[in-house]
């Protein structure tokens, strides 16, 4: 089972890689501006999905901890 520390490490490394890819995409002199825009949108969307999953997981763990501590 993967703990919250490992999942945060994975998401953090994904964000660093995505940021690096975003910078490399924007600084690429070969790509036209619309291709840069499309790639930047794809990279940003791929960043928000794991962030949303982590936020949902933290919220779910918080609710689970809240109900178990008050219930028992």
Protein backbone atom coordinates (compact mmCIF):
# COMPACT_ATOMS: atom_id res chain seq x y z
CA UNK A 1 0.00 0.00 0.00
CA UNK A 2 1.26 3.44 -0.90
CA UNK A 3 1.32 5.94 1.94
CA UNK A 4 0.58 9.65 1.64
CA UNK A 5 4.31 10.48 1.67
CA UNK A 6 4.98 8.33 -1.39
CA UNK A 7 1.98 9.71 -3.25
CA UNK A 8 3.06 13.29 -2.53
CA UNK A 9 6.55 12.43 -3.74
CA UNK A 10 5.16 10.99 -6.97
CA UNK A 11 2.90 13.97 -7.57
CA UNK A 12 5.73 16.38 -6.75
CA UNK A 13 8.04 14.71 -9.24
CA UNK A 14 5.25 14.72 -11.83
CA UNK A 15 4.80 18.46 -11.30
CA UNK A 16 8.53 19.10 -11.65
CA UNK A 17 8.66 17.06 -14.88
CA UNK A 18 5.57 18.82 -16.20
CA UNK A 19 7.00 22.23 -15.36
CA UNK A 20 10.24 21.30 -17.12
CA UNK A 21 8.25 20.11 -20.15
CA UNK A 22 6.22 23.33 -20.14
CA UNK A 23 9.36 25.49 -20.11
CA UNK A 24 10.98 23.37 -22.82
CA UNK A 25 7.83 23.61 -24.94
CA UNK A 26 7.58 27.39 -24.59
CA UNK A 27 11.28 27.94 -25.31
CA UNK A 28 11.28 25.65 -28.37
CA UNK A 29 12.04 27.88 -31.38
CA UNK A 30 10.74 25.33 -33.91
CA UNK A 31 7.15 25.09 -32.71
CA UNK A 32 4.64 27.69 -33.89
CA UNK A 33 2.71 29.64 -31.27
CA UNK A 34 -0.50 27.62 -31.60
CA UNK A 35 1.39 24.35 -31.08
CA UNK A 36 2.98 25.84 -27.96
CA UNK A 37 -0.48 26.84 -26.75
CA UNK A 38 -1.88 23.33 -27.33
CA UNK A 39 1.08 21.64 -25.62
CA UNK A 40 0.94 24.06 -22.69
CA UNK A 41 -2.78 23.37 -22.24
CA UNK A 42 -2.18 19.60 -22.36
CA UNK A 43 0.63 19.82 -19.81
CA UNK A 44 -1.40 22.04 -17.46
CA UNK A 45 -4.42 19.71 -17.67
CA UNK A 46 -2.21 16.69 -16.99
CA UNK A 47 -0.89 18.53 -13.91
CA UNK A 48 -4.31 19.33 -12.52
CA UNK A 49 -5.59 15.74 -12.65
CA UNK A 50 -3.09 14.32 -10.08
CA UNK A 51 -3.43 17.46 -7.95
CA UNK A 52 -7.19 17.02 -7.87
CA UNK A 53 -6.76 13.34 -7.01
CA UNK A 54 -4.43 14.19 -4.14
CA UNK A 55 -6.77 16.91 -2.85
CA UNK A 56 -9.67 14.45 -3.00
CA UNK A 57 -7.60 11.81 -1.21
CA UNK A 58 -6.60 14.21 1.55
CA UNK A 59 -10.21 15.36 1.92
CA UNK A 60 -11.42 11.74 2.05
CA UNK A 61 -8.80 10.82 4.65
CA UNK A 62 -9.78 13.89 6.68
CA UNK A 63 -13.46 12.93 6.58
CA UNK A 64 -12.63 9.31 7.41
CA UNK A 65 -10.51 10.40 10.37
CA UNK A 66 -13.20 12.82 11.51
CA UNK A 67 -15.96 10.21 11.45
CA UNK A 68 -13.89 7.48 13.13
CA UNK A 69 -12.63 9.76 15.90
CA UNK A 70 -16.09 11.13 16.71
CA UNK A 71 -17.89 7.82 16.20
CA UNK A 72 -15.68 5.64 18.33
